[in-house]
Amino acid sequence: MTTALWCILIAGLLPYICAGIAKWGFHDFDNNNPRQWLANQTGFRARANAAQHNSFEAFPFFAAAVIIASFTHAPSAWMNSLAILFVIARVGFIVCYVMDKPNVRTLCWTVGVSCVIALFIISGMQAA
């Protein structure tokens, strides 16, 4: 399995890490109604929950880009590098979200989206 495909697995796990951050160390967590409990949180817990939602939103676009790049036999060095950079950007995004650093968070988000777009571009160039 290529590095880029491993990155799909890692990116797919990031939302669950965010959920763990949101719930970590809290004794009054309501596992009977976790979504309502999370909706009522503030501070870093609310931001971790928002990062979870954003990570779920970003994942399909990334996974599709990597799969299409693999299918079109895009250059593996480019594909792997862009996938790794996407994961690094997403981890940075999550850290910045939880730590309430919106400007750097936006930069990380932009880098991640740019990696996905680049994956589609190299796929298109290879398929042509």
N, C-alpha and C. Protein backbone atom coordinates (compact mmCIF):
# COMPACT_ATOMS: atom_id res chain seq x y z
N MET A 1 0.85 -1.17 0.00
CA MET A 1 0.00 0.00 0.00
C MET A 1 0.90 1.24 0.00
N THR A 2 0.51 2.24 -0.78
CA THR A 2 1.33 3.45 -0.89
C THR A 2 1.18 4.33 0.34
N THR A 3 2.12 5.22 0.49
CA THR A 3 2.06 6.20 1.59
C THR A 3 0.78 7.01 1.50
N ALA A 4 0.40 7.40 0.28
CA ALA A 4 -0.80 8.22 0.11
C ALA A 4 -2.04 7.47 0.60
N LEU A 5 -2.10 6.18 0.35
CA LEU A 5 -3.26 5.41 0.83
C LEU A 5 -3.25 5.29 2.35
N TRP A 6 -2.07 5.17 2.95
CA TRP A 6 -1.99 5.19 4.41
C TRP A 6 -2.47 6.53 4.96
N CYS A 7 -2.19 7.59 4.21
CA CYS A 7 -2.64 8.93 4.63
C CYS A 7 -4.17 9.02 4.65
N ILE A 8 -4.84 8.27 3.77
CA ILE A 8 -6.31 8.24 3.82
C ILE A 8 -6.75 7.68 5.17
N LEU A 9 -6.13 6.60 5.61
CA LEU A 9 -6.48 6.03 6.90
C LEU A 9 -6.24 7.03 8.02
N ILE A 10 -5.09 7.67 8.01
CA ILE A 10 -4.77 8.65 9.06
C ILE A 10 -5.78 9.79 9.05
N ALA A 11 -6.06 10.34 7.86
CA ALA A 11 -7.03 11.44 7.75
C ALA A 11 -8.42 11.00 8.21
N GLY A 12 -8.75 9.75 7.95
CA GLY A 12 -10.05 9.23 8.38
C GLY A 12 -10.17 9.09 9.88
N LEU A 13 -9.04 8.95 10.56
CA LEU A 13 -9.05 8.82 12.03
C LEU A 13 -9.02 10.17 12.74
N LEU A 14 -8.60 11.22 12.05
CA LEU A 14 -8.47 12.53 12.70
C LEU A 14 -9.77 13.03 13.35
N PRO A 15 -10.95 12.85 12.72
CA PRO A 15 -12.16 13.32 13.41
C PRO A 15 -12.40 12.64 14.76
N TYR A 16 -12.01 11.39 14.85
CA TYR A 16 -12.22 10.66 16.10
C TYR A 16 -11.24 11.15 17.18
N ILE A 17 -10.07 11.56 16.76
CA ILE A 17 -9.12 12.15 17.71
C ILE A 17 -9.70 13.47 18.24
N CYS A 18 -10.30 14.25 17.34
CA CYS A 18 -10.95 15.50 17.77
C CYS A 18 -12.06 15.23 18.78
N ALA A 19 -12.85 14.20 18.52
CA ALA A 19 -13.92 13.84 19.45
C ALA A 19 -13.35 13.47 20.81
N GLY A 20 -12.25 12.73 20.80
CA GLY A 20 -11.60 12.36 22.06
C GLY A 20 -11.10 13.58 22.82
N ILE A 21 -10.55 14.54 22.08
CA ILE A 21 -10.10 15.78 22.73
C ILE A 21 -11.28 16.51 23.37
N ALA A 22 -12.39 16.56 22.66
CA ALA A 22 -13.58 17.26 23.17
C ALA A 22 -14.12 16.60 24.43
N LYS A 23 -14.00 15.29 24.52
CA LYS A 23 -14.59 14.55 25.65
C LYS A 23 -13.57 14.22 26.74
N TRP A 24 -12.29 14.43 26.48
CA TRP A 24 -11.22 13.99 27.36
C TRP A 24 -11.28 14.64 28.73
N GLY A 25 -11.17 13.82 29.74
CA GLY A 25 -11.06 14.30 31.11
C GLY A 25 -12.33 14.90 31.69
N PHE A 26 -13.45 14.72 31.02
CA PHE A 26 -14.69 15.32 31.50
C PHE A 26 -15.51 14.23 32.20
N HIS A 27 -15.87 14.46 33.43
CA HIS A 27 -16.54 13.43 34.22
C HIS A 27 -18.05 13.42 34.02
N ASP A 28 -18.62 14.52 33.57
CA ASP A 28 -20.08 14.58 33.41
C ASP A 28 -20.51 14.33 31.97
N PHE A 29 -19.66 13.67 31.18
CA PHE A 29 -20.01 13.38 29.79
C PHE A 29 -21.26 12.51 29.74
N ASP A 30 -22.21 12.89 28.88
CA ASP A 30 -23.47 12.16 28.74
C ASP A 30 -23.39 11.26 27.51
N ASN A 31 -23.05 10.00 27.73
CA ASN A 31 -22.92 9.08 26.62
C ASN A 31 -24.28 8.63 26.09
N ASN A 32 -25.35 8.94 26.80
CA ASN A 32 -26.69 8.65 26.29
C ASN A 32 -27.10 9.64 25.21
N ASN A 33 -26.55 10.85 25.28
CA ASN A 33 -26.88 11.89 24.32
C ASN A 33 -25.62 12.72 24.03
N PRO A 34 -24.61 12.11 23.40
CA PRO A 34 -23.32 12.80 23.25
C PRO A 34 -23.38 14.03 22.35
N ARG A 35 -24.20 14.01 21.32
CA ARG A 35 -24.25 15.17 20.43
C ARG A 35 -24.83 16.40 21.13
N GLN A 36 -25.83 16.19 21.92
CA GLN A 36 -26.41 17.31 22.67
C GLN A 36 -25.42 17.81 23.70
N TRP A 37 -24.72 16.90 24.38
CA TRP A 37 -23.72 17.28 25.35
C TRP A 37 -22.63 18.12 24.69
N LEU A 38 -22.13 17.66 23.53
CA LEU A 38 -21.08 18.40 22.83
C LEU A 38 -21.59 19.76 22.34
N ALA A 39 -22.84 19.83 21.92
CA ALA A 39 -23.41 21.09 21.44
C ALA A 39 -23.46 22.14 22.55
N ASN A 40 -23.51 21.70 23.80
CA ASN A 40 -23.58 22.62 24.93
C ASN A 40 -22.22 23.00 25.49
N GLN A 41 -21.15 22.49 24.92
CA GLN A 41 -19.81 22.77 25.44
C GLN A 41 -19.31 24.13 24.95
N THR A 42 -18.32 24.64 25.65
CA THR A 42 -17.69 25.91 25.29
C THR A 42 -16.17 25.71 25.29
N GLY A 43 -15.45 26.74 24.91
CA GLY A 43 -14.00 26.71 24.98
C GLY A 43 -13.39 25.67 24.06
N PHE A 44 -12.30 25.06 24.54
CA PHE A 44 -11.57 24.13 23.69
C PHE A 44 -12.41 22.91 23.32
N ARG A 45 -13.35 22.52 24.19
CA ARG A 45 -14.21 21.37 23.85
C ARG A 45 -15.09 21.69 22.65
N ALA A 46 -15.66 22.87 22.63
CA ALA A 46 -16.49 23.28 21.49
C ALA A 46 -15.64 23.39 20.22
N ARG A 47 -14.44 23.92 20.36
CA ARG A 47 -13.56 24.04 19.19
C ARG A 47 -13.10 22.68 18.70
N ALA A 48 -12.82 21.74 19.61
CA ALA A 48 -12.45 20.39 19.20
C ALA A 48 -13.61 19.71 18.48
N ASN A 49 -14.81 19.94 18.95
CA ASN A 49 -15.99 19.39 18.28
C ASN A 49 -16.15 20.00 16.89
N ALA A 50 -15.93 21.30 16.77
CA ALA A 50 -16.00 21.95 15.45
C ALA A 50 -14.92 21.40 14.53
N ALA A 51 -13.72 21.16 15.06
CA ALA A 51 -12.64 20.58 14.27
C ALA A 51 -13.01 19.17 13.81
N GLN A 52 -13.73 18.44 14.67
CA GLN A 52 -14.21 17.11 14.29
C GLN A 52 -15.13 17.21 13.08
N HIS A 53 -16.08 18.11 13.13
CA HIS A 53 -17.02 18.27 12.01
C HIS A 53 -16.28 18.67 10.74
N ASN A 54 -15.36 19.62 10.86
CA ASN A 54 -14.62 20.06 9.69
C ASN A 54 -13.75 18.94 9.13
N SER A 55 -13.20 18.11 9.99
CA SER A 55 -12.38 16.99 9.54
C SER A 55 -13.21 15.97 8.78
N PHE A 56 -14.43 15.72 9.24
CA PHE A 56 -15.33 14.83 8.50
C PHE A 56 -15.68 15.43 7.14
N GLU A 57 -15.84 16.75 7.08
CA GLU A 57 -16.16 17.43 5.81
C GLU A 57 -15.00 17.37 4.83
N ALA A 58 -13.78 17.49 5.31
CA ALA A 58 -12.60 17.51 4.44
C ALA A 58 -12.23 16.12 3.94
N PHE A 59 -12.57 15.10 4.69
CA PHE A 59 -12.10 13.75 4.38
C PHE A 59 -12.53 13.22 3.01
N PRO A 60 -13.80 13.29 2.62
CA PRO A 60 -14.18 12.69 1.33
C PRO A 60 -13.46 13.31 0.14
N PHE A 61 -13.28 14.62 0.15
CA PHE A 61 -12.60 15.33 -0.93
C PHE A 61 -11.16 14.83 -1.05
N PHE A 62 -10.49 14.68 0.10
CA PHE A 62 -9.12 14.18 0.11
C PHE A 62 -9.05 12.73 -0.34
N ALA A 63 -9.89 11.88 0.23
CA ALA A 63 -9.86 10.46 -0.11
C ALA A 63 -10.11 10.26 -1.60
N ALA A 64 -11.08 10.97 -2.15
CA ALA A 64 -11.36 10.87 -3.58
C ALA A 64 -10.15 11.30 -4.40
N ALA A 65 -9.50 12.37 -4.00
CA ALA A 65 -8.34 12.86 -4.74
C ALA A 65 -7.21 11.84 -4.75
N VAL A 66 -6.95 11.21 -3.62
CA VAL A 66 -5.88 10.21 -3.55
C VAL A 66 -6.26 8.98 -4.37
N ILE A 67 -7.49 8.53 -4.25
CA ILE A 67 -7.91 7.34 -5.00
C ILE A 67 -7.85 7.60 -6.49
N ILE A 68 -8.31 8.76 -6.92
CA ILE A 68 -8.26 9.10 -8.35
C ILE A 68 -6.81 9.22 -8.81
N ALA A 69 -5.96 9.84 -8.00
CA ALA A 69 -4.55 9.94 -8.36
C ALA A 69 -3.92 8.55 -8.48
N SER A 70 -4.29 7.65 -7.59
CA SER A 70 -3.79 6.27 -7.68
C SER A 70 -4.31 5.58 -8.94
N PHE A 71 -5.57 5.76 -9.21
CA PHE A 71 -6.21 5.14 -10.38
C PHE A 71 -5.60 5.61 -11.69
N THR A 72 -5.24 6.89 -11.75
CA THR A 72 -4.67 7.45 -12.99
C THR A 72 -3.15 7.29 -13.05
N HIS A 73 -2.58 6.62 -12.06
CA HIS A 73 -1.14 6.39 -11.99
C HIS A 73 -0.36 7.70 -11.99
N ALA A 74 -0.83 8.64 -11.19
CA ALA A 74 -0.12 9.91 -11.02
C ALA A 74 1.25 9.60 -10.42
N PRO A 75 2.22 10.46 -10.65
CA PRO A 75 3.56 10.22 -10.10
C PRO A 75 3.50 10.00 -8.58
N SER A 76 4.00 8.85 -8.15
CA SER A 76 3.86 8.49 -6.74
C SER A 76 4.57 9.45 -5.80
N ALA A 77 5.69 10.00 -6.22
CA ALA A 77 6.39 10.95 -5.35
C ALA A 77 5.53 12.17 -5.07
N TRP A 78 4.89 12.68 -6.10
CA TRP A 78 3.99 13.84 -5.94
C TRP A 78 2.77 13.45 -5.10
N MET A 79 2.18 12.32 -5.45
CA MET A 79 0.97 11.88 -4.75
C MET A 79 1.26 11.68 -3.25
N ASN A 80 2.34 10.99 -2.94
CA ASN A 80 2.68 10.74 -1.54
C ASN A 80 3.03 12.03 -0.81
N SER A 81 3.79 12.90 -1.46
CA SER A 81 4.17 14.17 -0.82
C SER A 81 2.95 15.04 -0.53
N LEU A 82 2.05 15.13 -1.49
CA LEU A 82 0.84 15.94 -1.29
C LEU A 82 -0.05 15.34 -0.21
N ALA A 83 -0.14 14.03 -0.17
CA ALA A 83 -0.97 13.38 0.86
C ALA A 83 -0.38 13.60 2.25
N ILE A 84 0.94 13.47 2.36
CA ILE A 84 1.59 13.71 3.66
C ILE A 84 1.40 15.17 4.08
N LEU A 85 1.59 16.08 3.14
CA LEU A 85 1.41 17.50 3.46
C LEU A 85 -0.03 17.79 3.88
N PHE A 86 -1.00 17.14 3.23
CA PHE A 86 -2.40 17.31 3.62
C PHE A 86 -2.59 16.88 5.08
N VAL A 87 -2.08 15.72 5.44
CA VAL A 87 -2.25 15.22 6.81
C VAL A 87 -1.57 16.16 7.80
N ILE A 88 -0.38 16.62 7.48
CA ILE A 88 0.32 17.56 8.37
C ILE A 88 -0.50 18.85 8.52
N ALA A 89 -1.03 19.34 7.40
CA ALA A 89 -1.85 20.56 7.45
C ALA A 89 -3.10 20.35 8.29
N ARG A 90 -3.72 19.17 8.16
CA ARG A 90 -4.93 18.90 8.94
C ARG A 90 -4.63 18.78 10.42
N VAL A 91 -3.51 18.17 10.77
CA VAL A 91 -3.13 18.09 12.18
C VAL A 91 -2.87 19.51 12.71
N GLY A 92 -2.18 20.32 11.92
CA GLY A 92 -1.96 21.71 12.31
C GLY A 92 -3.27 22.46 12.46
N PHE A 93 -4.21 22.20 11.55
CA PHE A 93 -5.54 22.82 11.61
C PHE A 93 -6.22 22.47 12.93
N ILE A 94 -6.17 21.20 13.30
CA ILE A 94 -6.83 20.76 14.53
C ILE A 94 -6.17 21.40 15.75
N VAL A 95 -4.86 21.40 15.78
CA VAL A 95 -4.14 22.01 16.91
C VAL A 95 -4.49 23.49 17.02
N CYS A 96 -4.48 24.19 15.89
CA CYS A 96 -4.80 25.62 15.90
C CYS A 96 -6.25 25.87 16.29
N TYR A 97 -7.15 24.98 15.86
CA TYR A 97 -8.56 25.14 16.23
C TYR A 97 -8.74 24.99 17.74
N VAL A 98 -8.16 23.94 18.29
CA VAL A 98 -8.31 23.68 19.72
C VAL A 98 -7.64 24.78 20.54
N MET A 99 -6.52 25.29 20.07
CA MET A 99 -5.78 26.32 20.80
C MET A 99 -6.27 27.74 20.49
N ASP A 100 -7.31 27.86 19.67
CA ASP A 100 -7.93 29.14 19.34
C ASP A 100 -6.96 30.09 18.65
N LYS A 101 -6.36 29.60 17.57
CA LYS A 101 -5.44 30.39 16.73
C LYS A 101 -6.03 30.46 15.32
N PRO A 102 -7.05 31.31 15.10
CA PRO A 102 -7.80 31.29 13.84
C PRO A 102 -7.00 31.66 12.60
N ASN A 103 -6.05 32.58 12.70
CA ASN A 103 -5.30 32.97 11.50
C ASN A 103 -4.42 31.84 10.99
N VAL A 104 -3.71 31.19 11.90
CA VAL A 104 -2.85 30.06 11.50
C VAL A 104 -3.72 28.89 11.07
N ARG A 105 -4.86 28.71 11.74
CA ARG A 105 -5.80 27.65 11.37
C ARG A 105 -6.24 27.82 9.93
N THR A 106 -6.55 29.04 9.52
CA THR A 106 -6.95 29.30 8.14
C THR A 106 -5.83 28.98 7.17
N LEU A 107 -4.61 29.30 7.54
CA LEU A 107 -3.45 28.96 6.70
C LEU A 107 -3.34 27.44 6.54
N CYS A 108 -3.47 26.71 7.63
CA CYS A 108 -3.42 25.24 7.58
C CYS A 108 -4.54 24.69 6.70
N TRP A 109 -5.73 25.23 6.85
CA TRP A 109 -6.86 24.79 6.04
C TRP A 109 -6.57 25.04 4.56
N THR A 110 -6.02 26.20 4.24
CA THR A 110 -5.71 26.55 2.85
C THR A 110 -4.65 25.61 2.27
N VAL A 111 -3.64 25.29 3.04
CA VAL A 111 -2.62 24.34 2.57
C VAL A 111 -3.26 22.98 2.29
N GLY A 112 -4.12 22.51 3.18
CA GLY A 112 -4.78 21.22 2.99
C GLY A 112 -5.63 21.19 1.73
N VAL A 113 -6.45 22.20 1.54
CA VAL A 113 -7.30 22.26 0.34
C VAL A 113 -6.44 22.36 -0.91
N SER A 114 -5.38 23.11 -0.84
CA SER A 114 -4.47 23.24 -1.99
C SER A 114 -3.85 21.89 -2.36
N CYS A 115 -3.53 21.08 -1.36
CA CYS A 115 -2.99 19.74 -1.63
C CYS A 115 -4.02 18.89 -2.36
N VAL A 116 -5.26 18.96 -1.95
CA VAL A 116 -6.31 18.19 -2.61
C VAL A 116 -6.48 18.65 -4.06
N ILE A 117 -6.51 19.94 -4.27
CA ILE A 117 -6.63 20.46 -5.64
C ILE A 117 -5.44 20.00 -6.48
N ALA A 118 -4.25 20.06 -5.90
CA ALA A 118 -3.05 19.62 -6.62
C ALA A 118 -3.12 18.14 -6.96
N LEU A 119 -3.67 17.34 -6.07
CA LEU A 119 -3.85 15.91 -6.37
C LEU A 119 -4.76 15.72 -7.57
N PHE A 120 -5.83 16.48 -7.63
CA PHE A 120 -6.73 16.39 -8.79
C PHE A 120 -6.00 16.86 -10.06
N ILE A 121 -5.20 17.88 -9.95
CA ILE A 121 -4.50 18.41 -11.13
C ILE A 121 -3.50 17.39 -11.66
N ILE A 122 -2.71 16.77 -10.76
CA ILE A 122 -1.75 15.79 -11.25
C ILE A 122 -2.47 14.55 -11.80
N SER A 123 -3.64 14.26 -11.29
CA SER A 123 -4.43 13.16 -11.84
C SER A 123 -4.89 13.48 -13.25
N GLY A 124 -5.36 14.72 -13.43
CA GLY A 124 -5.81 15.13 -14.75
C GLY A 124 -4.69 15.19 -15.76
N MET A 125 -3.53 15.63 -15.33
CA MET A 125 -2.38 15.69 -16.23
C MET A 125 -1.94 14.29 -16.64
N GLN A 126 -2.02 13.36 -15.71
CA GLN A 126 -1.61 12.00 -16.00
C GLN A 126 -2.61 11.29 -16.91
N ALA A 127 -3.89 11.59 -16.71
CA ALA A 127 -4.94 10.93 -17.50
C ALA A 127 -5.00 11.46 -18.92
N ALA A 128 -4.51 12.67 -19.14
CA ALA A 128 -4.60 13.29 -20.47
C ALA A 128 -3.68 12.65 -21.48
